[in-house]
């Protein structure tokens, strides 16, 4: 498989996952605003979670609802906006049409046209919840169509690899922001506002119902343990990292340099740490610091994948 094709398929997986994740976080944040005390806002925390705070402030200055919605959803100058992600995913798919099924292309094209129409008609401002539900549904439709219509060879593994890398990174960022930045005061820990925000975090990764099947109380420790270590929930960091390792091993299987793959070593070390560590150890060492290390390790994994397969 050509490295050029592999790289484009990998980034299709990352961009579609990033777009869905952003839509989910915005939609939950809109609902969270209804439960916050008068004068409180969580828009700045959302920008922190998306890693877009500095670039947003340079362009808009003030984190109002309208500014944040436009920047994270439709702004073509923001490379991480939903519109930019879907545009880039569609362009990558256009360049490797022989690799993607026609059904995958149709869904991506519909996804792209939804945003073009929204930019013209401003539907996103008038019907925000319905709009972001449509975005999530189209992203999940693309994942399902790819699963059912694409041969599960190298191209499929690169698509899945991109999705898992993005998912692990985004889950760690969202959890880190809540734990370190979201509360206005340590005195509010354990109060009603704290519970509302942790519940919103679970909903932002579609984890609330599955979490309640496992735990009776919404506490920082329980939520962190579930999103980091759970072996069955598909959006936990542990499951995503295990998915990365499985795809990488399938990709290099039978190759001459399969036993000397830096990306597999890097992801294997992170997977082992997640498998044999506990939430108590993470909290004792500082959960923010530990999550920051996980994000740096994810960056190393992405760099190794780029160097070994795409450069």
C-alpha atoms as a PDB file:
ATOM      1  CA  UNK A   1       0.000   0.000   0.000  1.00  0.00           C
ATOM      2  CA  UNK A   2       1.365   3.429  -0.942  1.00  0.00           C
ATOM      3  CA  UNK A   3       2.298   5.595   2.034  1.00  0.00           C
ATOM      4  CA  UNK A   4       0.437   8.523   0.439  1.00  0.00           C
ATOM      5  CA  UNK A   5      -2.798   6.506   0.418  1.00  0.00           C
ATOM      6  CA  UNK A   6      -2.244   5.167   3.945  1.00  0.00           C
ATOM      7  CA  UNK A   7      -1.734   8.681   5.303  1.00  0.00           C
ATOM      8  CA  UNK A   8      -4.914  10.031   3.717  1.00  0.00           C
ATOM      9  CA  UNK A   9      -6.999   7.122   5.025  1.00  0.00           C
ATOM     10  CA  UNK A  10      -5.480   7.555   8.504  1.00  0.00           C
ATOM     11  CA  UNK A  11      -6.455  11.229   8.526  1.00  0.00           C
ATOM     12  CA  UNK A  12      -9.988  10.489   7.311  1.00  0.00           C
ATOM     13  CA  UNK A  13     -10.413   8.438  10.487  1.00  0.00           C
ATOM     14  CA  UNK A  14      -8.963  11.205  12.663  1.00  0.00           C
ATOM     15  CA  UNK A  15     -10.954  14.047  11.083  1.00  0.00           C
ATOM     16  CA  UNK A  16     -14.333  12.275  11.224  1.00  0.00           C
ATOM     17  CA  UNK A  17     -13.753  11.277  14.858  1.00  0.00           C
ATOM     18  CA  UNK A  18     -12.656  14.827  15.739  1.00  0.00           C
ATOM     19  CA  UNK A  19     -15.722  16.358  14.085  1.00  0.00           C
ATOM     20  CA  UNK A  20     -18.082  14.030  15.957  1.00  0.00           C
ATOM     21  CA  UNK A  21     -16.311  14.651  19.247  1.00  0.00           C
ATOM     22  CA  UNK A  22     -16.492  18.430  18.791  1.00  0.00           C
ATOM     23  CA  UNK A  23     -20.206  18.291  17.926  1.00  0.00           C
ATOM     24  CA  UNK A  24     -20.918  16.167  20.999  1.00  0.00           C
ATOM     25  CA  UNK A  25     -18.995  18.513  23.316  1.00  0.00           C
ATOM     26  CA  UNK A  26     -20.712  21.630  21.948  1.00  0.00           C
ATOM     27  CA  UNK A  27     -24.172  20.095  22.237  1.00  0.00           C
ATOM     28  CA  UNK A  28     -23.607  18.979  25.846  1.00  0.00           C
ATOM     29  CA  UNK A  29     -22.134  22.382  26.698  1.00  0.00           C
ATOM     30  CA  UNK A  30     -25.292  24.059  25.398  1.00  0.00           C
ATOM     31  CA  UNK A  31     -27.379  21.918  27.743  1.00  0.00           C
ATOM     32  CA  UNK A  32     -24.954  22.534  30.626  1.00  0.00           C
ATOM     33  CA  UNK A  33     -25.476  26.299  30.352  1.00  0.00           C
ATOM     34  CA  UNK A  34     -29.076  25.790  31.495  1.00  0.00           C
ATOM     35  CA  UNK A  35     -27.895  24.276  34.810  1.00  0.00           C
ATOM     36  CA  UNK A  36     -25.101  26.722  35.632  1.00  0.00           C
ATOM     37  CA  UNK A  37     -25.656  29.571  38.114  1.00  0.00           C
ATOM     38  CA  UNK A  38     -26.470  32.969  36.617  1.00  0.00           C
ATOM     39  CA  UNK A  39     -23.321  34.624  35.281  1.00  0.00           C
ATOM     40  CA  UNK A  40     -21.319  31.392  35.041  1.00  0.00           C
ATOM     41  CA  UNK A  41     -20.082  30.200  31.665  1.00  0.00           C
ATOM     42  CA  UNK A  42     -18.359  27.022  30.516  1.00  0.00           C
ATOM     43  CA  UNK A  43     -17.433  28.219  27.004  1.00  0.00           C
ATOM     44  CA  UNK A  44     -13.816  28.987  27.920  1.00  0.00           C
ATOM     45  CA  UNK A  45     -13.423  25.487  29.408  1.00  0.00           C
ATOM     46  CA  UNK A  46     -14.803  24.019  26.173  1.00  0.00           C
ATOM     47  CA  UNK A  47     -12.174  25.903  24.165  1.00  0.00           C
ATOM     48  CA  UNK A  48      -9.496  24.545  26.510  1.00  0.00           C
ATOM     49  CA  UNK A  49     -10.765  20.999  25.991  1.00  0.00           C
ATOM     50  CA  UNK A  50     -10.622  21.450  22.218  1.00  0.00           C
ATOM     51  CA  UNK A  51      -7.079  22.887  22.427  1.00  0.00           C
ATOM     52  CA  UNK A  52      -8.277  26.049  20.664  1.00  0.00           C
ATOM     53  CA  UNK A  53      -8.197  28.679  23.411  1.00  0.00           C
ATOM     54  CA  UNK A  54      -5.193  30.707  22.261  1.00  0.00           C
ATOM     55  CA  UNK A  55      -6.120  30.841  18.568  1.00  0.00           C
ATOM     56  CA  UNK A  56      -9.736  31.725  19.460  1.00  0.00           C
ATOM     57  CA  UNK A  57      -8.730  34.625  21.726  1.00  0.00           C
ATOM     58  CA  UNK A  58      -6.476  36.069  19.030  1.00  0.00           C
ATOM     59  CA  UNK A  59      -9.369  36.215  16.565  1.00  0.00           C
ATOM     60  CA  UNK A  60     -12.466  36.834  18.711  1.00  0.00           C
ATOM     61  CA  UNK A  61     -11.199  38.076  22.054  1.00  0.00           C
ATOM     62  CA  UNK A  62     -14.325  37.201  24.018  1.00  0.00           C
ATOM     63  CA  UNK A  63     -15.742  33.708  24.609  1.00  0.00           C
ATOM     64  CA  UNK A  64     -19.427  34.359  23.968  1.00  0.00           C
ATOM     65  CA  UNK A  65     -21.860  31.635  22.896  1.00  0.00           C
ATOM     66  CA  UNK A  66     -22.133  32.946  19.317  1.00  0.00           C
ATOM     67  CA  UNK A  67     -18.361  33.384  18.887  1.00  0.00           C
ATOM     68  CA  UNK A  68     -17.508  29.917  20.232  1.00  0.00           C
ATOM     69  CA  UNK A  69     -20.255  28.219  18.188  1.00  0.00           C
ATOM     70  CA  UNK A  70     -19.030  29.877  15.006  1.00  0.00           C
ATOM     71  CA  UNK A  71     -15.357  29.197  15.696  1.00  0.00           C
ATOM     72  CA  UNK A  72     -15.727  25.515  16.629  1.00  0.00           C
ATOM     73  CA  UNK A  73     -18.390  24.727  14.034  1.00  0.00           C
ATOM     74  CA  UNK A  74     -18.134  26.734  10.821  1.00  0.00           C
ATOM     75  CA  UNK A  75     -14.954  28.849  10.875  1.00  0.00           C
ATOM     76  CA  UNK A  76     -12.830  27.769   7.870  1.00  0.00           C
ATOM     77  CA  UNK A  77      -9.784  29.477   9.413  1.00  0.00           C
ATOM     78  CA  UNK A  78      -9.924  27.138  12.415  1.00  0.00           C
ATOM     79  CA  UNK A  79      -8.296  23.861  11.265  1.00  0.00           C
ATOM     80  CA  UNK A  80     -10.121  21.993  14.034  1.00  0.00           C
ATOM     81  CA  UNK A  81     -13.619  23.329  13.376  1.00  0.00           C
ATOM     82  CA  UNK A  82     -16.210  20.737  12.368  1.00  0.00           C
ATOM     83  CA  UNK A  83     -16.458  22.257   8.883  1.00  0.00           C
ATOM     84  CA  UNK A  84     -12.665  22.175   8.416  1.00  0.00           C
ATOM     85  CA  UNK A  85     -12.443  18.570   9.646  1.00  0.00           C
ATOM     86  CA  UNK A  86     -15.192  17.360   7.312  1.00  0.00           C
ATOM     87  CA  UNK A  87     -13.786  19.354   4.381  1.00  0.00           C
ATOM     88  CA  UNK A  88     -10.361  17.780   4.895  1.00  0.00           C
ATOM     89  CA  UNK A  89     -11.818  14.297   5.377  1.00  0.00           C
ATOM     90  CA  UNK A  90     -13.806  14.700   2.151  1.00  0.00           C
ATOM     91  CA  UNK A  91     -10.748  15.953   0.246  1.00  0.00           C
ATOM     92  CA  UNK A  92      -8.662  13.010   1.480  1.00  0.00           C
ATOM     93  CA  UNK A  93     -11.427  10.612   0.434  1.00  0.00           C
ATOM     94  CA  UNK A  94     -11.634  12.262  -2.998  1.00  0.00           C
ATOM     95  CA  UNK A  95      -7.904  11.648  -3.510  1.00  0.00           C
ATOM     96  CA  UNK A  96      -8.197   7.942  -2.611  1.00  0.00           C
ATOM     97  CA  UNK A  97     -11.590   7.104  -4.115  1.00  0.00           C
ATOM     98  CA  UNK A  98     -10.294   3.716  -5.232  1.00  0.00           C
ATOM     99  CA  UNK A  99      -9.733   2.796  -1.554  1.00  0.00           C
ATOM    100  CA  UNK A 100     -13.051   4.001  -0.112  1.00  0.00           C
ATOM    101  CA  UNK A 101     -16.402   2.474  -1.028  1.00  0.00           C
ATOM    102  CA  UNK A 102     -18.929   4.598  -2.908  1.00  0.00           C
ATOM    103  CA  UNK A 103     -21.216   4.455   0.163  1.00  0.00           C
ATOM    104  CA  UNK A 104     -18.477   6.006   2.315  1.00  0.00           C
ATOM    105  CA  UNK A 105     -18.001   8.796  -0.204  1.00  0.00           C
ATOM    106  CA  UNK A 106     -21.756   9.461  -0.326  1.00  0.00           C
ATOM    107  CA  UNK A 107     -21.969   9.867   3.462  1.00  0.00           C
ATOM    108  CA  UNK A 108     -18.943  12.167   3.583  1.00  0.00           C
ATOM    109  CA  UNK A 109     -20.360  14.252   0.758  1.00  0.00           C
ATOM    110  CA  UNK A 110     -23.698  14.564   2.562  1.00  0.00           C
ATOM    111  CA  UNK A 111     -21.827  15.526   5.720  1.00  0.00           C
ATOM    112  CA  UNK A 112     -19.956  18.268   3.829  1.00  0.00           C
ATOM    113  CA  UNK A 113     -23.093  19.646   2.149  1.00  0.00           C
ATOM    114  CA  UNK A 114     -24.865  19.842   5.527  1.00  0.00           C
ATOM    115  CA  UNK A 115     -22.214  22.280   6.680  1.00  0.00           C
ATOM    116  CA  UNK A 116     -22.208  24.296   3.479  1.00  0.00           C
ATOM    117  CA  UNK A 117     -25.954  24.758   3.825  1.00  0.00           C
ATOM    118  CA  UNK A 118     -25.609  25.633   7.515  1.00  0.00           C
ATOM    119  CA  UNK A 119     -23.010  28.303   6.766  1.00  0.00           C
ATOM    120  CA  UNK A 120     -25.376  29.973   4.278  1.00  0.00           C
ATOM    121  CA  UNK A 121     -28.681  29.596   6.158  1.00  0.00           C
ATOM    122  CA  UNK A 122     -27.272  29.970   9.700  1.00  0.00           C
ATOM    123  CA  UNK A 123     -29.259  26.890  10.744  1.00  0.00           C
ATOM    124  CA  UNK A 124     -26.671  26.196  13.412  1.00  0.00           C
ATOM    125  CA  UNK A 125     -27.733  29.280  15.355  1.00  0.00           C
ATOM    126  CA  UNK A 126     -31.478  28.740  14.957  1.00  0.00           C
ATOM    127  CA  UNK A 127     -31.657  24.989  15.699  1.00  0.00           C
ATOM    128  CA  UNK A 128     -28.427  24.183  17.499  1.00  0.00           C
ATOM    129  CA  UNK A 129     -29.420  20.916  19.186  1.00  0.00           C
ATOM    130  CA  UNK A 130     -30.984  19.385  16.047  1.00  0.00           C
ATOM    131  CA  UNK A 131     -27.976  20.433  14.012  1.00  0.00           C
ATOM    132  CA  UNK A 132     -25.393  18.788  16.269  1.00  0.00           C
ATOM    133  CA  UNK A 133     -27.508  15.639  16.569  1.00  0.00           C
ATOM    134  CA  UNK A 134     -27.394  15.434  12.757  1.00  0.00           C
ATOM    135  CA  UNK A 135     -23.610  15.809  12.819  1.00  0.00           C
ATOM    136  CA  UNK A 136     -23.211  12.972  15.356  1.00  0.00           C
ATOM    137  CA  UNK A 137     -25.582  10.727  13.414  1.00  0.00           C
ATOM    138  CA  UNK A 138     -23.757  11.289  10.120  1.00  0.00           C
ATOM    139  CA  UNK A 139     -20.384  10.575  11.734  1.00  0.00           C
ATOM    140  CA  UNK A 140     -21.676   7.342  13.266  1.00  0.00           C
ATOM    141  CA  UNK A 141     -23.293   6.460   9.935  1.00  0.00           C
ATOM    142  CA  UNK A 142     -19.926   6.892   8.209  1.00  0.00           C
ATOM    143  CA  UNK A 143     -18.240   4.594  10.745  1.00  0.00           C
ATOM    144  CA  UNK A 144     -20.929   1.953  10.297  1.00  0.00           C
ATOM    145  CA  UNK A 145     -20.890   2.190   6.493  1.00  0.00           C
ATOM    146  CA  UNK A 146     -17.085   1.866   6.462  1.00  0.00           C
ATOM    147  CA  UNK A 147     -17.313  -1.187   8.717  1.00  0.00           C
ATOM    148  CA  UNK A 148     -19.855  -2.863   6.454  1.00  0.00           C
ATOM    149  CA  UNK A 149     -18.605  -1.920   2.969  1.00  0.00           C
ATOM    150  CA  UNK A 150     -14.796  -1.665   3.174  1.00  0.00           C
ATOM    151  CA  UNK A 151     -12.487  -4.681   2.954  1.00  0.00           C
ATOM    152  CA  UNK A 152     -10.759  -5.128   6.299  1.00  0.00           C
ATOM    153  CA  UNK A 153      -7.241  -5.001   4.914  1.00  0.00           C
ATOM    154  CA  UNK A 154      -4.464  -2.447   5.384  1.00  0.00           C
ATOM    155  CA  UNK A 155      -6.600   0.556   4.411  1.00  0.00           C
ATOM    156  CA  UNK A 156      -9.276  -0.391   6.937  1.00  0.00           C
ATOM    157  CA  UNK A 157      -6.641  -0.778   9.672  1.00  0.00           C
ATOM    158  CA  UNK A 158      -5.241   2.697   8.953  1.00  0.00           C
ATOM    159  CA  UNK A 159      -8.773   4.160   9.067  1.00  0.00           C
ATOM    160  CA  UNK A 160      -9.398   2.471  12.424  1.00  0.00           C
ATOM    161  CA  UNK A 161      -5.939   3.465  13.684  1.00  0.00           C
ATOM    162  CA  UNK A 162      -6.634   7.140  12.988  1.00  0.00           C
ATOM    163  CA  UNK A 163      -9.989   6.922  14.754  1.00  0.00           C
ATOM    164  CA  UNK A 164      -8.478   5.266  17.856  1.00  0.00           C
ATOM    165  CA  UNK A 165      -5.560   7.729  18.092  1.00  0.00           C
ATOM    166  CA  UNK A 166      -7.973  10.665  17.932  1.00  0.00           C
ATOM    167  CA  UNK A 167     -10.391   9.095  20.417  1.00  0.00           C
ATOM    168  CA  UNK A 168      -7.745   8.412  23.060  1.00  0.00           C
ATOM    169  CA  UNK A 169      -6.353  11.926  22.715  1.00  0.00           C
ATOM    170  CA  UNK A 170      -9.753  13.642  22.904  1.00  0.00           C
ATOM    171  CA  UNK A 171     -10.978  11.627  25.906  1.00  0.00           C
ATOM    172  CA  UNK A 172      -7.812  12.434  27.851  1.00  0.00           C
ATOM    173  CA  UNK A 173      -8.108  16.150  26.997  1.00  0.00           C
ATOM    174  CA  UNK A 174     -11.747  16.441  28.031  1.00  0.00           C
ATOM    175  CA  UNK A 175     -11.129  14.639  31.328  1.00  0.00           C
ATOM    176  CA  UNK A 176      -8.011  16.708  32.020  1.00  0.00           C
ATOM    177  CA  UNK A 177      -9.827  20.005  31.458  1.00  0.00           C
ATOM    178  CA  UNK A 178     -12.666  19.059  33.805  1.00  0.00           C
ATOM    179  CA  UNK A 179     -10.323  17.906  36.525  1.00  0.00           C
ATOM    180  CA  UNK A 180      -7.941  20.860  36.312  1.00  0.00           C
ATOM    181  CA  UNK A 181      -9.760  23.880  34.867  1.00  0.00           C
ATOM    182  CA  UNK A 182     -13.540  23.665  34.895  1.00  0.00           C
ATOM    183  CA  UNK A 183     -14.415  24.263  38.560  1.00  0.00           C
ATOM    184  CA  UNK A 184     -14.352  27.969  39.493  1.00  0.00           C
ATOM    185  CA  UNK A 185     -13.304  27.118  43.070  1.00  0.00           C
ATOM    186  CA  UNK A 186     -12.012  24.044  44.961  1.00  0.00           C
ATOM    187  CA  UNK A 187     -14.739  24.763  47.526  1.00  0.00           C
ATOM    188  CA  UNK A 188     -17.328  23.606  44.981  1.00  0.00           C
ATOM    189  CA  UNK A 189     -15.940  20.059  44.824  1.00  0.00           C
ATOM    190  CA  UNK A 190     -18.722  17.654  45.819  1.00  0.00           C
ATOM    191  CA  UNK A 191     -21.413  20.329  45.543  1.00  0.00           C
ATOM    192  CA  UNK A 192     -24.389  20.255  43.151  1.00  0.00           C
ATOM    193  CA  UNK A 193     -22.527  22.237  40.476  1.00  0.00           C
ATOM    194  CA  UNK A 194     -19.653  19.752  40.569  1.00  0.00           C
ATOM    195  CA  UNK A 195     -22.044  16.818  40.042  1.00  0.00           C
ATOM    196  CA  UNK A 196     -23.739  18.605  37.124  1.00  0.00           C
ATOM    197  CA  UNK A 197     -20.396  19.199  35.427  1.00  0.00           C
ATOM    198  CA  UNK A 198     -19.134  15.637  35.868  1.00  0.00           C
ATOM    199  CA  UNK A 199     -22.441  14.353  34.477  1.00  0.00           C
ATOM    200  CA  UNK A 200     -22.026  16.704  31.502  1.00  0.00           C
ATOM    201  CA  UNK A 201     -18.525  15.334  30.935  1.00  0.00           C
ATOM    202  CA  UNK A 202     -19.876  11.764  30.806  1.00  0.00           C
ATOM    203  CA  UNK A 203     -22.563  12.824  28.331  1.00  0.00           C
ATOM    204  CA  UNK A 204     -19.978  14.575  26.143  1.00  0.00           C
ATOM    205  CA  UNK A 205     -18.381  11.188  25.434  1.00  0.00           C
ATOM    206  CA  UNK A 206     -21.736   9.319  25.338  1.00  0.00           C
ATOM    207  CA  UNK A 207     -20.788   7.491  28.538  1.00  0.00           C
ATOM    208  CA  UNK A 208     -23.481   8.464  31.043  1.00  0.00           C
ATOM    209  CA  UNK A 209     -25.788   5.447  30.677  1.00  0.00           C
ATOM    210  CA  UNK A 210     -22.938   2.917  30.588  1.00  0.00           C
ATOM    211  CA  UNK A 211     -21.299   4.623  33.575  1.00  0.00           C
ATOM    212  CA  UNK A 212     -24.482   4.322  35.656  1.00  0.00           C
ATOM    213  CA  UNK A 213     -24.621   0.588  34.924  1.00  0.00           C
ATOM    214  CA  UNK A 214     -21.197   0.283  36.567  1.00  0.00           C
ATOM    215  CA  UNK A 215     -21.242   2.934  39.322  1.00  0.00           C
ATOM    216  CA  UNK A 216     -23.969   4.265  41.623  1.00  0.00           C
ATOM    217  CA  UNK A 217     -22.385   7.668  42.358  1.00  0.00           C
ATOM    218  CA  UNK A 218     -21.041  10.317  39.983  1.00  0.00           C
ATOM    219  CA  UNK A 219     -17.746  11.202  41.681  1.00  0.00           C
ATOM    220  CA  UNK A 220     -14.467  12.485  40.177  1.00  0.00           C
ATOM    221  CA  UNK A 221     -12.706   9.215  41.060  1.00  0.00           C
ATOM    222  CA  UNK A 222     -15.425   6.982  39.555  1.00  0.00           C
ATOM    223  CA  UNK A 223     -15.709   9.031  36.363  1.00  0.00           C
ATOM    224  CA  UNK A 224     -11.929   9.152  35.904  1.00  0.00           C
ATOM    225  CA  UNK A 225     -11.575   5.401  36.494  1.00  0.00           C
ATOM    226  CA  UNK A 226     -14.333   4.628  33.991  1.00  0.00           C
ATOM    227  CA  UNK A 227     -13.027   6.887  31.212  1.00  0.00           C
ATOM    228  CA  UNK A 228      -9.390   5.857  31.649  1.00  0.00           C
ATOM    229  CA  UNK A 229      -9.392   2.180  32.632  1.00  0.00           C
ATOM    230  CA  UNK A 230     -12.693   0.540  31.671  1.00  0.00           C
ATOM    231  CA  UNK A 231     -12.047  -2.559  29.540  1.00  0.00           C
ATOM    232  CA  UNK A 232     -15.438  -2.621  27.787  1.00  0.00           C
ATOM    233  CA  UNK A 233     -16.529   0.964  27.127  1.00  0.00           C
ATOM    234  CA  UNK A 234     -15.403   1.820  23.547  1.00  0.00           C
ATOM    235  CA  UNK A 235     -14.451   5.421  24.332  1.00  0.00           C
ATOM    236  CA  UNK A 236     -12.245   4.737  27.337  1.00  0.00           C
ATOM    237  CA  UNK A 237      -8.564   5.541  26.861  1.00  0.00           C
ATOM    238  CA  UNK A 238      -7.578   1.933  27.592  1.00  0.00           C
ATOM    239  CA  UNK A 239      -9.858   0.486  24.893  1.00  0.00           C
ATOM    240  CA  UNK A 240      -8.745   3.093  22.347  1.00  0.00           C
ATOM    241  CA  UNK A 241      -5.044   2.429  22.995  1.00  0.00           C
ATOM    242  CA  UNK A 242      -5.607  -1.331  22.754  1.00  0.00           C
ATOM    243  CA  UNK A 243      -7.331  -0.709  19.399  1.00  0.00           C
ATOM    244  CA  UNK A 244      -4.315   1.269  18.181  1.00  0.00           C
ATOM    245  CA  UNK A 245      -1.964  -1.576  19.090  1.00  0.00           C
ATOM    246  CA  UNK A 246      -4.175  -4.199  17.434  1.00  0.00           C
ATOM    247  CA  UNK A 247      -4.344  -2.222  14.172  1.00  0.00           C
ATOM    248  CA  UNK A 248      -0.603  -1.559  14.126  1.00  0.00           C
ATOM    249  CA  UNK A 249       0.156  -5.251  14.641  1.00  0.00           C
ATOM    250  CA  UNK A 250      -2.176  -6.186  11.781  1.00  0.00           C
ATOM    251  CA  UNK A 251      -0.528  -3.596   9.532  1.00  0.00           C
ATOM    252  CA  UNK A 252       3.043  -4.801  10.141  1.00  0.00           C
ATOM    253  CA  UNK A 253       2.167  -8.518  10.236  1.00  0.00           C
ATOM    254  CA  UNK A 254       4.361 -10.396   7.789  1.00  0.00           C
ATOM    255  CA  UNK A 255       6.612  -7.413   7.011  1.00  0.00           C
ATOM    256  CA  UNK A 256      10.379  -7.567   7.360  1.00  0.00           C
ATOM    257  CA  UNK A 257      10.554  -4.730   9.897  1.00  0.00           C
ATOM    258  CA  UNK A 258       7.516  -5.763  11.938  1.00  0.00           C
ATOM    259  CA  UNK A 259       9.602  -6.723  14.969  1.00  0.00           C
ATOM    260  CA  UNK A 260      11.426  -3.370  14.983  1.00  0.00           C
ATOM    261  CA  UNK A 261       8.468  -0.986  14.935  1.00  0.00           C
ATOM    262  CA  UNK A 262       8.858   2.069  17.159  1.00  0.00           C
ATOM    263  CA  UNK A 263       5.155   2.937  17.020  1.00  0.00           C
ATOM    264  CA  UNK A 264       4.198  -0.527  18.352  1.00  0.00           C
ATOM    265  CA  UNK A 265       6.742  -0.214  21.166  1.00  0.00           C
ATOM    266  CA  UNK A 266       5.394   3.233  22.108  1.00  0.00           C
ATOM    267  CA  UNK A 267       1.742   2.198  22.090  1.00  0.00           C
ATOM    268  CA  UNK A 268       2.583  -1.085  23.846  1.00  0.00           C
ATOM    269  CA  UNK A 269       4.237   0.779  26.726  1.00  0.00           C
ATOM    270  CA  UNK A 270       1.191   3.019  27.131  1.00  0.00           C
ATOM    271  CA  UNK A 271      -1.196   0.052  26.922  1.00  0.00           C
ATOM    272  CA  UNK A 272       0.799  -1.817  29.604  1.00  0.00           C
ATOM    273  CA  UNK A 273       0.751   1.219  31.879  1.00  0.00           C
ATOM    274  CA  UNK A 274      -3.026   1.500  31.523  1.00  0.00           C
ATOM    275  CA  UNK A 275      -3.460  -2.241  32.070  1.00  0.00           C
ATOM    276  CA  UNK A 276      -1.429  -2.478  35.287  1.00  0.00           C
ATOM    277  CA  UNK A 277      -2.008   0.938  36.897  1.00  0.00           C
ATOM    278  CA  UNK A 278      -4.908   1.958  39.151  1.00  0.00           C
ATOM    279  CA  UNK A 279      -6.899   5.163  39.512  1.00  0.00           C
ATOM    280  CA  UNK A 280      -5.550   5.579  43.074  1.00  0.00           C
ATOM    281  CA  UNK A 281      -1.992   5.636  41.707  1.00  0.00           C
ATOM    282  CA  UNK A 282      -2.956   8.180  39.072  1.00  0.00           C
ATOM    283  CA  UNK A 283      -4.637  10.463  41.619  1.00  0.00           C
ATOM    284  CA  UNK A 284      -1.760  10.114  44.079  1.00  0.00           C
ATOM    285  CA  UNK A 285       0.725  11.135  41.368  1.00  0.00           C
ATOM    286  CA  UNK A 286      -1.558  13.979  40.256  1.00  0.00           C
ATOM    287  CA  UNK A 287      -4.291  13.175  37.743  1.00  0.00           C
ATOM    288  CA  UNK A 288      -3.652  16.321  35.712  1.00  0.00           C
ATOM    289  CA  UNK A 289       0.065  15.543  35.477  1.00  0.00           C
ATOM    290  CA  UNK A 290      -0.631  11.902  34.583  1.00  0.00           C
ATOM    291  CA  UNK A 291      -3.148  12.823  31.862  1.00  0.00           C
ATOM    292  CA  UNK A 292      -0.660  15.338  30.505  1.00  0.00           C
ATOM    293  CA  UNK A 293       1.905  12.523  30.240  1.00  0.00           C
ATOM    294  CA  UNK A 294      -0.640  10.370  28.399  1.00  0.00           C
ATOM    295  CA  UNK A 295      -1.213  13.200  25.902  1.00  0.00           C
ATOM    296  CA  UNK A 296       2.536  13.549  25.348  1.00  0.00           C
ATOM    297  CA  UNK A 297       2.818   9.780  24.822  1.00  0.00           C
ATOM    298  CA  UNK A 298      -0.029   9.970  22.286  1.00  0.00           C
ATOM    299  CA  UNK A 299       1.923  12.671  20.465  1.00  0.00           C
ATOM    300  CA  UNK A 300       4.981  10.384  20.407  1.00  0.00           C
ATOM    301  CA  UNK A 301       2.840   7.536  19.026  1.00  0.00           C
ATOM    302  CA  UNK A 302       1.462   9.765  16.256  1.00  0.00           C
ATOM    303  CA  UNK A 303       4.987  10.955  15.423  1.00  0.00           C
ATOM    304  CA  UNK A 304       6.273   7.372  15.218  1.00  0.00           C
ATOM    305  CA  UNK A 305       3.347   6.361  12.958  1.00  0.00           C
ATOM    306  CA  UNK A 306       4.053   9.323  10.672  1.00  0.00           C
ATOM    307  CA  UNK A 307       7.782   8.587  10.527  1.00  0.00           C
ATOM    308  CA  UNK A 308       7.455   4.840   9.917  1.00  0.00           C
ATOM    309  CA  UNK A 309       4.517   4.711   7.501  1.00  0.00           C
ATOM    310  CA  UNK A 310       4.023   8.122   5.864  1.00  0.00           C
ATOM    311  CA  UNK A 311       7.400   9.903   5.603  1.00  0.00           C
END
